[in-house]
Amino acid sequence: MNIEDLAAAVHDDAVGGAGLPAQGEPGLPGGSSTGGQPVLAVVGRPNVGKSTLVNRILGRRAAIIEDVPGVTRDRVAYDAVWNGRRFTVVDTGGWEPDARGLAGRVAEQARAAIDTADGVLFVIDATVGATDADEAVARVLHRSGRPVVLAANKVDDARAEADAAALWSLGLGEPYPVSALHGRGSGDLLDAVLAVLPEAPREQFTEEDGPRRVALIGRPNVGKSSLLNKLVGSERSLVDDVAGTTRDPVDELVTVGGETWMFIDTAGLRRRVKEASGAEYYSSLRTAAALEAAEVAIVLLDADEPVTEQDQRIISMVTEAGRALVLAFNKWDLLDTERRLDLEQEIVRDLGRVAWAPRVNISARTGRATDRLAPALRTSLESWGTRIPTGRLNSWLGEIVGATPPPSRSGKIPRVLFATQAGVRPPRFVVFTTGFLEPAYRRFLERKLREDFGFAGTPIEISIRVRERPDRHR
């Protein structure tokens, strides 16, 4: 499945979600709110419907939902709009105050979301009522000093509103009955949310230049989240030995090489999207959308393991999307001399088609050589936006074709008339000829382009336009 198919699937997925009409305003996949917007943290126990409610607020199916607890793990930010006011919604994992291990770190992410929020939306399953865990969370919210809106979820009809009224006992004010699944009461809830949030700027649709967007992509457990955490200097993205810990794209502003970048940590891709199911399927779609929103991708590979077919498939996904590329071989500190020699042979054999991509050998655990990522990113992005003047391009093309003409086809040698660069990001060239050019000759032209003009770190697209000769007998 190529990037266009994946993007279409994301679009279909979004259209399929029932939402508030024309209210959700998409930001970058997985988050990225603009500055100056108030932040609303959505917290609650596992499986009370937080992500479903987030999707209802956004008006699109952005957060991954599944009928099992613990699908959301990291805190993930989305841009939202209600009644002309913009704000940022932060979805969090299920909060169990006494949890340990991975669940405990999920709870820590929820606490961190509260600490950085302007208001809190506390979601409770009204059909279950306030549990001991809910009461423990309520005590934490009392001490936080943040304004709290209490959402009594799963109130699908008027008969269930009595269950919502019982939540007054938590001392957090009026419980707002809502059905995240069906949308019942969502408007009143959002009005209450805006009442506790500080004033937000009215809708503005002018785009401002922001940091360059970098997607971290790779197989599960290659160290994407560890790298983001090392660059940020804190546990922004959950890390665990269990593969597939990250499910939603997690983005963060990071300063590397004296420049601020927007890094997007994505879910590990373990198989083809069409072969995935459940949360893994939707994670794969979000990863594809994050790549489409990015300008450059860092593909992380495990240097301690052989290059796999899935590694090559992920690299193809980046090049087919037309994004700039940097290859980062992680866990370099674990390699002995023999493994380094084997890896060099694997790179030549399996990754020769992207020999143009800058390569950085790093260790996300120790931080080794992570400062070299910035120069590699700049090189790839500069090449991604390079344009060759038409005169210089055709002078170069004449020399190349004169020295090495295209092979004949059906006894005739096609003439190369001229070429033009149709676009950048990535560089796209159109070559006009009198006949078909063999794929091998197109690869030859690409290789010569790279030798003479650089283009390190970016894919190049070369298309052929055959000009038909006029029929002289007509």
Protein backbone atom coordinates (compact mmCIF):
# COMPACT_ATOMS: atom_id res chain seq x y z
CA MET A 1 0.00 0.00 0.00
CA ASN A 2 1.53 3.34 -1.06
CA ILE A 3 1.19 6.68 0.67
CA GLU A 4 -1.77 7.75 -1.47
CA ASP A 5 -3.71 4.64 -0.47
CA LEU A 6 -2.81 5.18 3.17
CA ALA A 7 -3.82 8.82 3.05
CA ALA A 8 -7.13 7.83 1.47
CA ALA A 9 -7.68 5.28 4.21
CA VAL A 10 -7.02 7.93 6.85
CA HIS A 11 -9.51 10.23 5.12
CA ASP A 12 -12.14 7.49 4.91
CA ASP A 13 -11.53 6.65 8.56
CA ALA A 14 -12.04 10.29 9.52
CA VAL A 15 -15.20 10.64 7.46
CA GLY A 16 -16.57 7.48 9.01
CA GLY A 17 -16.38 8.92 12.53
CA ALA A 18 -19.48 10.66 13.81
CA GLY A 19 -18.51 14.06 15.11
CA LEU A 20 -19.64 17.57 15.87
CA PRO A 21 -20.38 19.17 12.50
CA ALA A 22 -17.69 21.56 11.31
CA GLN A 23 -16.21 22.00 14.77
CA GLY A 24 -13.07 19.85 14.84
CA GLU A 25 -10.05 21.54 13.35
CA PRO A 26 -7.24 19.14 12.47
CA GLY A 27 -3.69 19.88 13.44
CA LEU A 28 -0.70 17.69 12.79
CA PRO A 29 -1.38 13.99 13.26
CA GLY A 30 -0.77 13.16 16.85
CA GLY A 31 -0.83 16.72 18.03
CA SER A 32 1.08 19.92 17.51
CA SER A 33 -0.99 22.77 18.75
CA THR A 34 -0.08 26.32 17.91
CA GLY A 35 1.23 28.65 20.56
CA GLY A 36 -1.13 30.77 22.65
CA GLN A 37 -3.91 28.20 22.86
CA PRO A 38 -5.28 27.01 26.21
CA VAL A 39 -4.73 23.32 26.94
CA LEU A 40 -7.42 20.86 28.11
CA ALA A 41 -6.22 17.54 29.58
CA VAL A 42 -8.67 14.64 29.31
CA VAL A 43 -8.12 12.14 32.16
CA GLY A 44 -9.87 9.16 33.70
CA ARG A 45 -9.65 5.43 34.35
CA PRO A 46 -9.00 2.99 31.48
CA ASN A 47 -11.91 2.28 29.14
CA VAL A 48 -14.25 5.05 30.33
CA GLY A 49 -14.39 6.52 26.82
CA LYS A 50 -11.76 9.28 26.92
CA SER A 51 -10.49 8.76 23.38
CA THR A 52 -14.03 8.41 22.04
CA LEU A 53 -14.90 11.71 23.71
CA VAL A 54 -11.76 13.30 22.25
CA ASN A 55 -12.85 12.19 18.78
CA ARG A 56 -16.30 13.65 19.47
CA ILE A 57 -14.74 17.00 20.41
CA LEU A 58 -12.52 17.00 17.31
CA GLY A 59 -15.30 15.94 14.97
CA ARG A 60 -13.08 13.26 13.45
CA ARG A 61 -11.66 9.89 14.40
CA ALA A 62 -8.18 11.01 15.39
CA ALA A 63 -7.53 9.10 18.63
CA ILE A 64 -7.31 5.32 18.38
CA ILE A 65 -10.22 3.54 20.05
CA GLU A 66 -10.82 -0.16 20.68
CA ASP A 67 -13.11 -2.04 23.03
CA VAL A 68 -10.28 -3.04 25.34
CA PRO A 69 -8.67 -1.03 28.15
CA GLY A 70 -5.25 0.55 27.78
CA VAL A 71 -5.20 1.40 24.06
CA THR A 72 -4.00 4.99 24.64
CA ARG A 73 -0.66 5.18 26.46
CA ASP A 74 1.20 8.41 25.72
CA ARG A 75 -0.31 11.85 26.11
CA VAL A 76 -1.28 13.03 22.64
CA ALA A 77 -2.27 16.59 21.71
CA TYR A 78 -4.79 17.66 19.07
CA ASP A 79 -6.02 21.06 17.89
CA ALA A 80 -9.74 21.70 18.39
CA VAL A 81 -12.24 24.48 17.75
CA TRP A 82 -15.61 25.14 19.40
CA ASN A 83 -17.75 28.23 18.79
CA GLY A 84 -14.84 29.99 17.10
CA ARG A 85 -12.39 29.41 19.95
CA ARG A 86 -9.29 27.33 19.50
CA PHE A 87 -7.84 25.11 22.20
CA THR A 88 -5.60 22.06 22.51
CA VAL A 89 -7.01 18.73 23.68
CA VAL A 90 -4.55 16.31 25.31
CA ASP A 91 -5.72 12.69 25.33
CA THR A 92 -4.10 10.54 28.03
CA GLY A 93 -3.86 6.88 28.93
CA GLY A 94 -5.99 5.27 31.60
CA TRP A 95 -5.09 6.61 35.06
CA GLU A 96 -4.91 4.06 37.85
CA PRO A 97 -3.30 5.74 40.88
CA ASP A 98 -1.72 2.58 42.33
CA ALA A 99 -0.54 1.10 39.02
CA ARG A 100 3.01 -0.18 38.57
CA GLY A 101 5.25 -0.93 35.60
CA LEU A 102 4.02 0.24 32.19
CA ALA A 103 0.59 1.13 33.58
CA GLY A 104 2.30 3.22 36.24
CA ARG A 105 4.23 5.18 33.63
CA VAL A 106 1.00 5.71 31.69
CA ALA A 107 -0.45 7.24 34.87
CA GLU A 108 2.62 9.47 35.18
CA GLN A 109 1.94 10.76 31.68
CA ALA A 110 -1.61 11.65 32.78
CA ARG A 111 -0.23 13.52 35.80
CA ALA A 112 2.20 15.39 33.54
CA ALA A 113 -0.70 16.38 31.29
CA ILE A 114 -2.51 17.91 34.28
CA ASP A 115 0.59 19.83 35.35
CA THR A 116 0.85 21.51 31.94
CA ALA A 117 -2.90 22.03 31.34
CA ASP A 118 -5.10 25.09 31.84
CA GLY A 119 -8.13 22.92 32.57
CA VAL A 120 -9.03 19.25 33.09
CA LEU A 121 -11.87 17.18 31.66
CA PHE A 122 -12.37 14.27 34.08
CA VAL A 123 -14.26 11.40 32.41
CA ILE A 124 -16.19 8.81 34.43
CA ASP A 125 -18.29 5.87 33.30
CA ALA A 126 -21.71 6.85 34.67
CA THR A 127 -23.02 3.31 34.26
CA VAL A 128 -20.41 2.09 36.76
CA GLY A 129 -20.38 5.11 39.05
CA ALA A 130 -17.46 6.52 41.01
CA THR A 131 -14.98 3.77 41.85
CA ASP A 132 -12.19 3.89 44.43
CA ALA A 133 -9.78 4.76 41.61
CA ASP A 134 -12.07 7.61 40.46
CA GLU A 135 -12.16 8.99 44.00
CA ALA A 136 -8.35 8.81 44.22
CA VAL A 137 -8.04 10.73 40.94
CA ALA A 138 -10.58 13.27 42.20
CA ARG A 139 -8.42 13.92 45.28
CA VAL A 140 -5.41 14.56 43.05
CA LEU A 141 -7.47 16.97 40.95
CA HIS A 142 -8.62 18.82 44.08
CA ARG A 143 -4.99 19.40 45.03
CA SER A 144 -3.88 20.38 41.53
CA GLY A 145 -5.61 23.74 41.60
CA ARG A 146 -6.72 23.30 37.98
CA PRO A 147 -10.37 23.98 37.01
CA VAL A 148 -12.14 20.67 36.41
CA VAL A 149 -15.14 19.77 34.25
CA LEU A 150 -16.72 16.43 35.18
CA ALA A 151 -18.03 14.36 32.26
CA ALA A 152 -20.43 11.53 33.13
CA ASN A 153 -19.99 9.40 30.02
CA LYS A 154 -22.15 6.63 28.53
CA VAL A 155 -25.42 8.42 29.39
CA ASP A 156 -27.17 7.35 26.21
CA ASP A 157 -30.73 8.33 27.21
CA ALA A 158 -32.69 10.31 29.82
CA ARG A 159 -33.16 7.25 32.03
CA ALA A 160 -29.40 7.11 32.74
CA GLU A 161 -29.16 10.74 33.88
CA ALA A 162 -29.84 9.69 37.50
CA ASP A 163 -26.54 7.77 37.40
CA ALA A 164 -24.78 10.99 36.41
CA ALA A 165 -26.36 12.95 39.28
CA ALA A 166 -24.76 10.56 41.78
CA LEU A 167 -21.32 11.91 40.80
CA TRP A 168 -21.95 15.16 42.70
CA SER A 169 -20.47 13.23 45.64
CA LEU A 170 -16.95 13.68 44.20
CA GLY A 171 -17.05 17.38 45.07
CA LEU A 172 -15.90 18.48 41.61
CA GLY A 173 -19.04 20.40 40.75
CA GLU A 174 -21.82 19.59 38.32
CA PRO A 175 -21.46 16.32 36.40
CA TYR A 176 -22.35 16.81 32.74
CA PRO A 177 -24.16 13.78 31.29
CA VAL A 178 -22.79 12.94 27.86
CA SER A 179 -22.66 10.09 25.38
CA ALA A 180 -19.31 10.24 23.62
CA LEU A 181 -20.45 7.48 21.29
CA HIS A 182 -23.69 9.14 20.17
CA GLY A 183 -22.93 12.82 20.82
CA ARG A 184 -25.71 13.35 23.35
CA GLY A 185 -24.94 16.34 25.60
CA SER A 186 -21.60 17.09 23.94
CA GLY A 187 -22.50 20.68 23.13
CA ASP A 188 -23.35 21.54 26.75
CA LEU A 189 -20.13 19.84 27.87
CA LEU A 190 -18.00 21.89 25.49
CA ASP A 191 -19.69 25.11 26.57
CA ALA A 192 -18.72 24.23 30.15
CA VAL A 193 -15.15 23.48 29.02
CA LEU A 194 -14.77 26.89 27.35
CA ALA A 195 -16.16 28.55 30.47
CA VAL A 196 -13.21 27.28 32.58
CA LEU A 197 -10.46 27.74 29.99
CA PRO A 198 -8.71 31.10 29.68
CA GLU A 199 -9.64 33.23 26.68
CA ALA A 200 -8.27 31.85 23.43
CA PRO A 201 -7.62 33.84 20.28
CA ARG A 202 -10.44 33.76 17.76
CA GLU A 203 -9.99 31.60 14.67
CA GLN A 204 -7.06 32.64 12.54
CA PHE A 205 -6.27 30.85 9.32
CA THR A 206 -2.96 32.52 8.45
CA GLU A 207 -0.10 30.05 8.47
CA GLU A 208 3.12 30.95 10.21
CA ASP A 209 6.52 29.51 9.55
CA GLY A 210 7.25 26.90 12.15
CA PRO A 211 9.96 24.36 12.93
CA ARG A 212 10.80 21.75 10.33
CA ARG A 213 8.78 18.56 10.86
CA VAL A 214 10.68 15.30 11.40
CA ALA A 215 8.98 11.89 11.55
CA LEU A 216 10.71 9.11 13.52
CA ILE A 217 9.82 5.88 11.72
CA GLY A 218 10.91 2.27 12.02
CA ARG A 219 10.07 -1.22 13.18
CA PRO A 220 8.87 -1.76 16.76
CA ASN A 221 11.53 -1.62 19.46
CA VAL A 222 14.28 -0.04 17.35
CA GLY A 223 14.49 2.89 19.78
CA LYS A 224 12.29 5.65 18.34
CA SER A 225 10.75 6.63 21.68
CA SER A 226 14.10 6.29 23.46
CA LEU A 227 15.65 8.67 20.93
CA LEU A 228 12.88 11.24 21.38
CA ASN A 229 13.21 11.04 25.16
CA LYS A 230 16.99 11.47 24.96
CA LEU A 231 16.63 14.55 22.75
CA VAL A 232 13.89 16.04 24.93
CA GLY A 233 15.67 15.19 28.18
CA SER A 234 12.61 13.58 29.81
CA GLU A 235 10.22 10.67 29.31
CA ARG A 236 7.98 12.35 26.75
CA SER A 237 7.20 9.06 25.02
CA LEU A 238 6.70 5.77 26.88
CA VAL A 239 9.47 3.19 26.54
CA ASP A 240 9.08 -0.49 27.38
CA ASP A 241 10.69 -3.76 26.33
CA VAL A 242 7.31 -4.84 24.95
CA ALA A 243 7.22 -4.09 21.22
CA GLY A 244 4.46 -1.74 20.10
CA THR A 245 4.32 0.45 23.22
CA THR A 246 3.77 3.61 21.13
CA ARG A 247 0.44 3.64 19.33
CA ASP A 248 -0.42 7.29 18.64
CA PRO A 249 2.06 9.70 17.04
CA VAL A 250 3.69 11.75 19.82
CA ASP A 251 5.20 15.08 18.85
CA GLU A 252 7.54 17.39 20.70
CA LEU A 253 9.60 20.49 20.00
CA VAL A 254 13.26 19.50 20.26
CA THR A 255 16.43 21.58 20.03
CA VAL A 256 19.15 19.76 18.11
CA GLY A 257 22.23 21.42 16.68
CA GLY A 258 21.10 24.86 17.86
CA GLU A 259 17.83 24.62 15.88
CA THR A 260 14.31 23.81 17.01
CA TRP A 261 12.62 20.88 15.24
CA MET A 262 9.20 19.27 15.56
CA PHE A 263 9.92 15.56 16.14
CA ILE A 264 7.04 13.11 15.71
CA ASP A 265 7.48 9.70 17.35
CA THR A 266 5.35 7.12 15.53
CA ALA A 267 4.12 3.61 16.14
CA GLY A 268 6.43 0.82 15.01
CA LEU A 269 5.41 -0.78 11.72
CA ARG A 270 5.67 -4.54 12.12
CA ARG A 271 3.84 -5.61 8.96
CA ARG A 272 1.98 -4.35 5.93
CA VAL A 273 -0.93 -2.10 6.89
CA LYS A 274 -3.45 -4.32 5.09
CA GLU A 275 -2.27 -7.28 7.19
CA ALA A 276 -2.69 -5.44 10.52
CA SER A 277 -5.84 -5.36 12.62
CA GLY A 278 -7.35 -3.54 15.58
CA ALA A 279 -5.22 -0.91 17.31
CA GLU A 280 -2.19 -1.91 15.23
CA TYR A 281 -4.09 -1.12 12.01
CA TYR A 282 -5.12 2.35 13.19
CA SER A 283 -1.61 3.00 14.55
CA SER A 284 -0.26 2.22 11.09
CA LEU A 285 -2.68 4.66 9.50
CA ARG A 286 -1.64 7.38 11.96
CA THR A 287 2.02 6.67 11.19
CA ALA A 288 1.31 7.08 7.47
CA ALA A 289 -0.52 10.36 8.14
CA ALA A 290 2.38 11.58 10.32
CA LEU A 291 4.79 10.84 7.47
CA GLU A 292 2.59 12.74 5.04
CA ALA A 293 2.59 15.75 7.39
CA ALA A 294 6.38 15.61 7.85
CA GLU A 295 9.07 17.06 5.62
CA VAL A 296 11.86 14.63 6.45
CA ALA A 297 11.87 11.17 7.98
CA ILE A 298 14.50 9.61 10.20
CA VAL A 299 14.24 5.87 9.61
CA LEU A 300 15.68 4.11 12.65
CA LEU A 301 17.28 0.72 12.13
CA ASP A 302 18.62 -1.66 14.75
CA ALA A 303 22.33 -1.88 14.01
CA ASP A 304 22.62 -4.97 16.19
CA GLU A 305 20.29 -6.95 13.88
CA PRO A 306 20.37 -7.71 10.14
CA VAL A 307 18.52 -5.31 7.83
CA THR A 308 15.05 -6.84 7.39
CA GLU A 309 12.48 -6.83 4.63
CA GLN A 310 10.29 -4.62 6.83
CA ASP A 311 13.14 -2.09 7.16
CA GLN A 312 13.33 -1.92 3.38
CA ARG A 313 9.55 -1.62 3.10
CA ILE A 314 9.52 1.33 5.53
CA ILE A 315 12.27 3.07 3.55
CA SER A 316 10.23 2.54 0.38
CA MET A 317 7.24 4.06 2.14
CA VAL A 318 9.28 7.23 2.79
CA THR A 319 10.65 7.50 -0.76
CA GLU A 320 7.23 6.83 -2.32
CA ALA A 321 5.82 9.60 -0.12
CA GLY A 322 8.47 11.90 -1.59
CA ARG A 323 9.94 12.84 1.78
CA ALA A 324 13.56 13.66 2.56
CA LEU A 325 15.36 10.80 4.29
CA VAL A 326 18.00 10.21 6.96
CA LEU A 327 19.06 6.70 8.02
CA ALA A 328 19.93 6.34 11.70
CA PHE A 329 21.51 3.09 12.87
CA ASN A 330 20.68 2.82 16.57
CA LYS A 331 22.36 0.75 19.31
CA TRP A 332 25.77 1.40 17.76
CA ASP A 333 27.34 1.15 21.22
CA LEU A 334 26.44 -2.57 21.32
CA LEU A 335 28.32 -3.52 18.14
CA ASP A 336 31.61 -5.39 18.06
CA THR A 337 34.06 -5.23 15.16
CA GLU A 338 32.69 -8.32 13.43
CA ARG A 339 29.12 -7.03 13.49
CA ARG A 340 30.19 -3.65 12.10
CA LEU A 341 31.87 -5.36 9.14
CA ASP A 342 28.75 -7.48 8.52
CA LEU A 343 26.54 -4.40 8.72
CA GLU A 344 28.59 -2.56 6.10
CA GLN A 345 28.06 -5.49 3.71
CA GLU A 346 24.32 -5.55 4.46
CA ILE A 347 24.03 -1.83 3.75
CA VAL A 348 25.74 -2.22 0.36
CA ARG A 349 23.63 -5.26 -0.52
CA ASP A 350 20.20 -4.31 0.86
CA LEU A 351 20.19 -0.51 0.95
CA GLY A 352 22.14 0.31 -2.19
CA ARG A 353 19.09 1.93 -3.78
CA VAL A 354 19.14 4.65 -1.08
CA ALA A 355 22.91 5.05 -0.96
CA TRP A 356 22.19 8.78 -1.40
CA ALA A 357 20.63 9.03 2.09
CA PRO A 358 22.80 10.51 4.88
CA ARG A 359 23.66 7.91 7.51
CA VAL A 360 24.21 8.52 11.21
CA ASN A 361 25.38 5.85 13.68
CA ILE A 362 23.83 6.67 17.05
CA SER A 363 22.91 5.32 20.46
CA ALA A 364 19.56 6.53 21.81
CA ARG A 365 20.46 5.02 25.20
CA THR A 366 23.72 6.92 25.71
CA GLY A 367 23.11 9.86 23.36
CA ARG A 368 26.12 8.93 21.21
CA ALA A 369 26.33 11.03 18.00
CA THR A 370 22.76 12.34 18.30
CA ASP A 371 24.20 15.82 17.66
CA ARG A 372 25.04 14.62 14.14
CA LEU A 373 21.35 14.27 13.30
CA ALA A 374 20.90 18.02 12.75
CA PRO A 375 23.54 18.37 9.96
CA ALA A 376 22.10 15.27 8.25
CA LEU A 377 18.57 16.68 8.47
CA ARG A 378 19.68 20.04 7.06
CA THR A 379 21.49 18.35 4.17
CA SER A 380 18.45 16.28 3.24
CA LEU A 381 16.04 19.21 3.49
CA GLU A 382 18.29 21.49 1.43
CA SER A 383 18.46 18.87 -1.32
CA TRP A 384 14.70 18.30 -1.04
CA GLY A 385 14.10 21.93 -2.03
CA THR A 386 16.87 22.29 -4.66
CA ARG A 387 15.95 23.65 -8.10
CA ILE A 388 18.24 23.55 -11.17
CA PRO A 389 17.82 26.44 -13.65
CA THR A 390 16.34 25.22 -16.95
CA GLY A 391 19.27 26.47 -19.03
CA ARG A 392 21.84 24.74 -16.87
CA LEU A 393 19.74 21.56 -16.75
CA ASN A 394 19.49 21.30 -20.55
CA SER A 395 23.15 22.11 -21.09
CA TRP A 396 24.00 19.29 -18.70
CA LEU A 397 21.50 16.94 -20.34
CA GLY A 398 22.97 17.59 -23.80
CA GLU A 399 26.43 16.63 -22.58
CA ILE A 400 25.18 13.45 -20.87
CA VAL A 401 23.08 12.26 -23.82
CA GLY A 402 25.85 13.15 -26.28
CA ALA A 403 28.32 11.01 -24.36
CA THR A 404 25.89 8.17 -23.63
CA PRO A 405 22.85 8.07 -25.96
CA PRO A 406 19.77 6.10 -24.87
CA PRO A 407 19.55 2.50 -26.12
CA SER A 408 17.60 1.81 -29.29
CA ARG A 409 14.07 0.48 -29.17
CA SER A 410 12.65 -1.44 -32.14
CA GLY A 411 15.67 -0.40 -34.15
CA LYS A 412 15.26 3.31 -33.44
CA ILE A 413 17.16 5.45 -30.98
CA PRO A 414 14.80 7.89 -29.23
CA ARG A 415 15.97 11.49 -29.25
CA VAL A 416 16.05 13.40 -26.00
CA LEU A 417 14.65 16.86 -26.82
CA PHE A 418 14.86 18.81 -23.57
CA ALA A 419 14.05 18.63 -19.86
CA THR A 420 12.53 20.84 -17.21
CA GLN A 421 12.28 20.67 -13.45
CA ALA A 422 8.57 20.52 -12.71
CA GLY A 423 8.82 20.98 -8.95
CA VAL A 424 10.68 20.60 -5.69
CA ARG A 425 10.07 18.87 -2.35
CA PRO A 426 10.98 16.39 -3.81
CA PRO A 427 12.76 17.44 -7.02
CA ARG A 428 10.68 16.35 -10.03
CA PHE A 429 12.02 16.35 -13.59
CA VAL A 430 10.21 15.88 -16.89
CA VAL A 431 12.24 14.73 -19.91
CA PHE A 432 10.70 15.22 -23.37
CA THR A 433 11.70 12.63 -25.97
CA THR A 434 10.65 11.19 -29.32
CA GLY A 435 10.39 7.69 -27.90
CA PHE A 436 10.24 5.57 -24.77
CA LEU A 437 13.29 5.56 -22.49
CA GLU A 438 14.14 2.27 -20.80
CA PRO A 439 13.97 2.20 -16.96
CA ALA A 440 17.70 1.45 -16.86
CA TYR A 441 18.42 4.69 -18.75
CA ARG A 442 16.20 6.66 -16.36
CA ARG A 443 18.21 5.24 -13.46
CA PHE A 444 21.36 6.26 -15.34
CA LEU A 445 20.06 9.84 -15.61
CA GLU A 446 19.21 9.89 -11.91
CA ARG A 447 22.65 8.62 -10.99
CA LYS A 448 24.32 11.32 -13.12
CA LEU A 449 22.04 13.98 -11.60
CA ARG A 450 23.18 12.97 -8.16
CA GLU A 451 26.85 12.83 -9.17
CA ASP A 452 26.79 16.33 -10.68
CA PHE A 453 24.23 18.19 -8.54
CA GLY A 454 24.23 16.38 -5.20
CA PHE A 455 20.64 15.76 -4.05
CA ALA A 456 21.87 13.92 -0.95
CA GLY A 457 18.99 12.82 1.23
CA THR A 458 16.09 13.28 -1.18
CA PRO A 459 14.32 11.03 -3.66
CA ILE A 460 14.22 12.23 -7.27
CA GLU A 461 11.30 11.73 -9.63
CA ILE A 462 11.98 11.52 -13.39
CA SER A 463 9.05 11.18 -15.78
CA ILE A 464 9.15 10.87 -19.56
CA ARG A 465 6.90 12.72 -22.01
CA VAL A 466 6.93 11.24 -25.50
CA ARG A 467 6.17 13.76 -28.21
CA GLU A 468 4.31 12.11 -31.07
CA ARG A 469 5.56 12.99 -34.55
CA PRO A 470 2.87 14.57 -36.75
CA ASP A 471 1.42 12.29 -39.42
CA ARG A 472 2.73 13.73 -42.73
CA HIS A 473 0.13 11.81 -44.77
CA ARG A 474 -2.81 13.65 -43.21
